[in-house]
C-alpha atoms as a PDB file:
ATOM      1  CA  MET A   1       5.732 -25.679  27.102  1.00  0.00           C
ATOM      2  CA  THR A   2       8.950 -23.674  27.351  1.00  0.00           C
ATOM      3  CA  ASN A   3       8.158 -21.923  24.048  1.00  0.00           C
ATOM      4  CA  ARG A   4       4.954 -20.543  25.549  1.00  0.00           C
ATOM      5  CA  VAL A   5       6.781 -19.351  28.648  1.00  0.00           C
ATOM      6  CA  GLU A   6       9.486 -17.680  26.569  1.00  0.00           C
ATOM      7  CA  ALA A   7       6.904 -16.051  24.312  1.00  0.00           C
ATOM      8  CA  SER A   8       5.028 -14.751  27.332  1.00  0.00           C
ATOM      9  CA  GLN A   9       8.229 -13.334  28.791  1.00  0.00           C
ATOM     10  CA  ARG A  10       9.044 -11.580  25.510  1.00  0.00           C
ATOM     11  CA  ARG A  11       5.591  -9.977  25.415  1.00  0.00           C
ATOM     12  CA  THR A  12       5.903  -8.663  28.967  1.00  0.00           C
ATOM     13  CA  ASP A  13       9.551  -7.535  28.776  1.00  0.00           C
ATOM     14  CA  THR A  14       9.599  -3.943  30.036  1.00  0.00           C
ATOM     15  CA  ARG A  15      13.194  -2.997  29.306  1.00  0.00           C
ATOM     16  CA  GLN A  16      13.078   0.370  27.555  1.00  0.00           C
ATOM     17  CA  TRP A  17      14.839  -0.760  24.388  1.00  0.00           C
ATOM     18  CA  VAL A  18      12.404  -3.667  24.062  1.00  0.00           C
ATOM     19  CA  VAL A  19       9.392  -1.409  24.580  1.00  0.00           C
ATOM     20  CA  ASP A  20      10.769   1.089  22.030  1.00  0.00           C
ATOM     21  CA  ARG A  21      11.405  -1.693  19.516  1.00  0.00           C
ATOM     22  CA  ARG A  22       7.897  -3.078  19.999  1.00  0.00           C
ATOM     23  CA  GLU A  23       6.372   0.395  19.467  1.00  0.00           C
ATOM     24  CA  ARG A  24       8.461   0.965  16.330  1.00  0.00           C
ATOM     25  CA  THR A  25       7.471  -2.427  14.959  1.00  0.00           C
ATOM     26  CA  ARG A  26       3.794  -1.690  15.557  1.00  0.00           C
ATOM     27  CA  HIS A  27       4.144   1.701  13.861  1.00  0.00           C
ATOM     28  CA  LEU A  28       5.803   0.163  10.788  1.00  0.00           C
ATOM     29  CA  ILE A  29       3.111  -2.521  10.570  1.00  0.00           C
ATOM     30  CA  GLU A  30       0.418   0.166  10.693  1.00  0.00           C
ATOM     31  CA  LEU A  31       2.134   2.116   7.895  1.00  0.00           C
ATOM     32  CA  GLY A  32       2.326  -1.052   5.803  1.00  0.00           C
ATOM     33  CA  GLY A  33      -1.367  -1.559   6.460  1.00  0.00           C
ATOM     34  CA  LEU A  34      -2.075   1.881   5.001  1.00  0.00           C
ATOM     35  CA  VAL A  35      -0.149   0.988   1.847  1.00  0.00           C
ATOM     36  CA  GLN A  36      -2.255  -2.182   1.587  1.00  0.00           C
ATOM     37  CA  LYS A  37      -5.508  -0.371   2.418  1.00  0.00           C
ATOM     38  CA  ALA A  38      -4.875   2.203  -0.318  1.00  0.00           C
ATOM     39  CA  GLY A  39      -4.634  -0.648  -2.815  1.00  0.00           C
ATOM     40  CA  LEU A  40      -1.051   0.177  -3.740  1.00  0.00           C
ATOM     41  CA  VAL A  41       0.239  -3.355  -3.302  1.00  0.00           C
ATOM     42  CA  GLU A  42      -2.316  -4.682  -5.769  1.00  0.00           C
ATOM     43  CA  LEU A  43      -2.021  -1.769  -8.192  1.00  0.00           C
ATOM     44  CA  THR A  44       1.791  -2.086  -8.394  1.00  0.00           C
ATOM     45  CA  ASP A  45       1.856  -5.886  -8.427  1.00  0.00           C
ATOM     46  CA  ASP A  46       3.752  -5.671  -5.128  1.00  0.00           C
ATOM     47  CA  ASP A  47       6.723  -4.040  -6.882  1.00  0.00           C
ATOM     48  CA  ARG A  48       8.784  -2.528  -4.051  1.00  0.00           C
ATOM     49  CA  ALA A  49      10.752  -0.269  -6.400  1.00  0.00           C
ATOM     50  CA  VAL A  50       7.525   1.229  -7.773  1.00  0.00           C
ATOM     51  CA  LEU A  51       6.126   1.727  -4.278  1.00  0.00           C
ATOM     52  CA  PHE A  52       9.351   3.352  -3.084  1.00  0.00           C
ATOM     53  CA  GLY A  53       9.490   5.563  -6.176  1.00  0.00           C
ATOM     54  CA  ALA A  54       5.916   6.707  -5.564  1.00  0.00           C
ATOM     55  CA  LEU A  55       6.732   7.504  -1.935  1.00  0.00           C
ATOM     56  CA  LEU A  56       9.790   9.468  -3.069  1.00  0.00           C
ATOM     57  CA  ALA A  57       7.565  11.437  -5.461  1.00  0.00           C
ATOM     58  CA  ILE A  58       5.249  12.276  -2.557  1.00  0.00           C
ATOM     59  CA  ALA A  59       8.236  13.377  -0.464  1.00  0.00           C
ATOM     60  CA  ALA A  60       9.448  15.595  -3.326  1.00  0.00           C
ATOM     61  CA  LYS A  61       6.012  17.218  -3.631  1.00  0.00           C
ATOM     62  CA  LEU A  62       6.022  17.942   0.091  1.00  0.00           C
ATOM     63  CA  GLN A  63       9.263  19.895  -0.303  1.00  0.00           C
ATOM     64  CA  GLY A  64       7.547  22.416  -2.590  1.00  0.00           C
ATOM     65  CA  ASP A  65       6.040  25.779  -1.750  1.00  0.00           C
ATOM     66  CA  ASP A  66       2.517  24.355  -1.612  1.00  0.00           C
ATOM     67  CA  ARG A  67       3.340  21.821   1.132  1.00  0.00           C
ATOM     68  CA  LYS A  68       0.673  23.130   3.493  1.00  0.00           C
ATOM     69  CA  GLU A  69      -2.079  22.987   0.863  1.00  0.00           C
ATOM     70  CA  ARG A  70      -1.094  19.463  -0.218  1.00  0.00           C
ATOM     71  CA  LEU A  71      -1.152  18.218   3.384  1.00  0.00           C
ATOM     72  CA  ILE A  72      -4.606  19.725   3.900  1.00  0.00           C
ATOM     73  CA  LEU A  73      -5.895  18.129   0.678  1.00  0.00           C
ATOM     74  CA  TRP A  74      -4.363  14.712   1.371  1.00  0.00           C
ATOM     75  CA  ARG A  75      -5.505  14.739   5.006  1.00  0.00           C
ATOM     76  CA  ARG A  76      -9.067  15.523   3.862  1.00  0.00           C
ATOM     77  CA  ARG A  77      -8.989  12.731   1.254  1.00  0.00           C
ATOM     78  CA  GLY A  78      -7.528  10.272   3.747  1.00  0.00           C
ATOM     79  CA  GLN A  79     -10.069  11.115   6.431  1.00  0.00           C
ATOM     80  CA  ARG A  80     -12.902  10.766   3.920  1.00  0.00           C
ATOM     81  CA  ALA A  81     -11.552   7.353   2.882  1.00  0.00           C
ATOM     82  CA  PHE A  82     -11.305   6.247   6.535  1.00  0.00           C
ATOM     83  CA  ASP A  83     -14.859   7.432   7.161  1.00  0.00           C
ATOM     84  CA  ASN A  84     -16.210   5.614   4.078  1.00  0.00           C
ATOM     85  CA  ASP A  85     -14.175   2.446   4.575  1.00  0.00           C
ATOM     86  CA  GLY A  86     -16.395  -0.596   4.671  1.00  0.00           C
ATOM     87  CA  PRO A  87     -15.869  -4.296   5.203  1.00  0.00           C
ATOM     88  CA  GLU A  88     -14.093  -4.621   1.850  1.00  0.00           C
ATOM     89  CA  GLY A  89     -10.933  -3.432   3.605  1.00  0.00           C
ATOM     90  CA  SER A  90      -9.261  -1.746   0.654  1.00  0.00           C
ATOM     91  CA  VAL A  91     -10.214   1.773  -0.336  1.00  0.00           C
ATOM     92  CA  VAL A  92      -9.634   0.804  -3.973  1.00  0.00           C
ATOM     93  CA  ALA A  93     -11.883  -2.254  -3.629  1.00  0.00           C
ATOM     94  CA  SER A  94     -14.686  -0.106  -2.224  1.00  0.00           C
ATOM     95  CA  ARG A  95     -14.296   2.377  -5.105  1.00  0.00           C
ATOM     96  CA  ARG A  96     -14.550  -0.442  -7.624  1.00  0.00           C
ATOM     97  CA  THR A  97     -17.631  -1.784  -5.925  1.00  0.00           C
ATOM     98  CA  LYS A  98     -19.331   1.620  -6.088  1.00  0.00           C
ATOM     99  CA  SER A  99     -18.301   2.196  -9.697  1.00  0.00           C
ATOM    100  CA  ASP A 100     -19.638  -1.227 -10.683  1.00  0.00           C
ATOM    101  CA  GLY A 101     -23.094  -0.135  -9.598  1.00  0.00           C
ATOM    102  CA  GLY A 102     -22.815  -1.748  -6.171  1.00  0.00           C
ATOM    103  CA  GLN A 103     -21.930  -5.177  -7.485  1.00  0.00           C
ATOM    104  CA  GLY A 104     -19.341  -6.848  -5.259  1.00  0.00           C
END
């Protein structure tokens, strides 16, 4: 019984540092969800070094002269993927399903 009370108190704690921490945690979880949704976990066999290296490559590309164009292109691709996302969950899974002639 006390565990439930303590858990409830933690969820309703309104101290600013707690609220900030909760928001940051939610943001990080959402970013991790995007990595999963893009199929990167599966495609890299959940290799954190590969994932980090790929993210560093993206960061390096964004430091180039064509930053604005890349952001426009990637935003368009991402929005299209969000719009076409079905119950499969993963963008990669939905691509495979379409490329297999609709076989799931």
